[in-house]
Amino acid sequence: MYIYSISIISIFNMEFDRKNAIIGFLKERKDQKFTSYGIA
C-alpha cells in the first residue's frame, strides 16, 4: 500500500512538472514576442 501511494505521488509530480514546463515555455514565448515588438 505504501509503495502504491508513492507511485501515485511520483506520477502526480511528473504531471505537475510537465504542466509547469509548458506554462513556463508559453510565458517565455509571450515575453519574446513583447520584446521583439518593443525593438521593432
N, C-alpha and C. Protein backbone atom coordinates (compact mmCIF):
# COMPACT_ATOMS: atom_id res chain seq x y z
N MET A 1 0.85 -1.21 0.00
CA MET A 1 0.00 0.00 0.00
C MET A 1 0.88 1.25 0.00
N TYR A 2 1.93 1.23 0.81
CA TYR A 2 2.83 2.39 0.90
C TYR A 2 3.51 2.65 -0.44
N ILE A 3 4.01 1.58 -1.06
CA ILE A 3 4.68 1.71 -2.37
C ILE A 3 3.68 2.26 -3.40
N TYR A 4 2.46 1.77 -3.34
CA TYR A 4 1.41 2.20 -4.28
C TYR A 4 1.18 3.71 -4.18
N SER A 5 1.09 4.22 -2.95
CA SER A 5 0.86 5.66 -2.76
C SER A 5 2.06 6.46 -3.25
N ILE A 6 3.26 5.94 -3.08
CA ILE A 6 4.46 6.64 -3.56
C ILE A 6 4.42 6.76 -5.08
N SER A 7 4.01 5.68 -5.76
CA SER A 7 3.98 5.71 -7.23
C SER A 7 2.95 6.72 -7.70
N ILE A 8 1.81 6.82 -7.02
CA ILE A 8 0.79 7.81 -7.40
C ILE A 8 1.34 9.22 -7.21
N ILE A 9 2.05 9.45 -6.11
CA ILE A 9 2.63 10.77 -5.85
C ILE A 9 3.65 11.12 -6.92
N SER A 10 4.48 10.16 -7.31
CA SER A 10 5.51 10.44 -8.32
C SER A 10 4.86 10.73 -9.67
N ILE A 11 3.78 10.01 -10.01
CA ILE A 11 3.07 10.29 -11.27
C ILE A 11 2.48 11.69 -11.22
N PHE A 12 1.88 12.05 -10.09
CA PHE A 12 1.31 13.39 -9.93
C PHE A 12 2.39 14.46 -10.09
N ASN A 13 3.56 14.23 -9.48
CA ASN A 13 4.66 15.19 -9.59
C ASN A 13 5.13 15.32 -11.03
N MET A 14 5.19 14.22 -11.76
CA MET A 14 5.60 14.27 -13.16
C MET A 14 4.62 15.12 -13.97
N GLU A 15 3.33 14.90 -13.76
CA GLU A 15 2.31 15.69 -14.47
C GLU A 15 2.45 17.17 -14.11
N PHE A 16 2.66 17.44 -12.83
CA PHE A 16 2.79 18.82 -12.35
C PHE A 16 4.00 19.50 -12.99
N ASP A 17 5.13 18.78 -13.03
CA ASP A 17 6.34 19.33 -13.64
C ASP A 17 6.12 19.61 -15.12
N ARG A 18 5.42 18.70 -15.81
CA ARG A 18 5.19 18.87 -17.24
C ARG A 18 4.32 20.10 -17.48
N LYS A 19 3.27 20.26 -16.68
CA LYS A 19 2.41 21.44 -16.83
C LYS A 19 3.21 22.71 -16.58
N ASN A 20 4.04 22.72 -15.54
CA ASN A 20 4.86 23.89 -15.25
C ASN A 20 5.80 24.20 -16.40
N ALA A 21 6.38 23.15 -16.99
CA ALA A 21 7.30 23.34 -18.11
C ALA A 21 6.56 23.97 -19.29
N ILE A 22 5.35 23.49 -19.58
CA ILE A 22 4.57 24.03 -20.70
C ILE A 22 4.20 25.49 -20.41
N ILE A 23 3.74 25.77 -19.19
CA ILE A 23 3.36 27.14 -18.82
C ILE A 23 4.58 28.06 -18.92
N GLY A 24 5.72 27.61 -18.41
CA GLY A 24 6.95 28.40 -18.48
C GLY A 24 7.35 28.67 -19.91
N PHE A 25 7.21 27.65 -20.77
CA PHE A 25 7.57 27.80 -22.18
C PHE A 25 6.67 28.84 -22.84
N LEU A 26 5.37 28.76 -22.58
CA LEU A 26 4.43 29.71 -23.19
C LEU A 26 4.70 31.13 -22.70
N LYS A 27 5.00 31.28 -21.41
CA LYS A 27 5.32 32.61 -20.88
C LYS A 27 6.57 33.16 -21.55
N GLU A 28 7.58 32.31 -21.75
CA GLU A 28 8.81 32.74 -22.41
C GLU A 28 8.51 33.23 -23.82
N ARG A 29 7.72 32.45 -24.56
CA ARG A 29 7.35 32.82 -25.93
C ARG A 29 6.65 34.18 -25.93
N LYS A 30 5.73 34.37 -24.98
CA LYS A 30 4.98 35.63 -24.90
C LYS A 30 5.93 36.79 -24.63
N ASP A 31 6.86 36.60 -23.69
CA ASP A 31 7.83 37.65 -23.36
C ASP A 31 8.68 37.98 -24.58
N GLN A 32 9.10 36.96 -25.34
CA GLN A 32 9.91 37.18 -26.52
C GLN A 32 9.14 37.99 -27.55
N LYS A 33 7.85 37.68 -27.72
CA LYS A 33 7.03 38.44 -28.67
C LYS A 33 6.98 39.91 -28.25
N PHE A 34 6.77 40.16 -26.97
CA PHE A 34 6.68 41.54 -26.49
C PHE A 34 7.99 42.27 -26.72
N THR A 35 9.12 41.62 -26.45
CA THR A 35 10.40 42.29 -26.62
C THR A 35 10.67 42.56 -28.10
N SER A 36 10.28 41.62 -28.98
CA SER A 36 10.52 41.83 -30.41
C SER A 36 9.65 42.99 -30.91
N TYR A 37 8.43 43.10 -30.40
CA TYR A 37 7.58 44.24 -30.77
C TYR A 37 8.21 45.54 -30.27
N GLY A 38 8.76 45.49 -29.06
CA GLY A 38 9.38 46.69 -28.50
C GLY A 38 10.57 47.14 -29.33
N ILE A 39 11.37 46.18 -29.80
CA ILE A 39 12.54 46.52 -30.63
C ILE A 39 12.08 47.09 -31.96
N ALA A 40 11.06 46.47 -32.56
CA ALA A 40 10.54 46.91 -33.86
C ALA A 40 9.73 48.19 -33.67
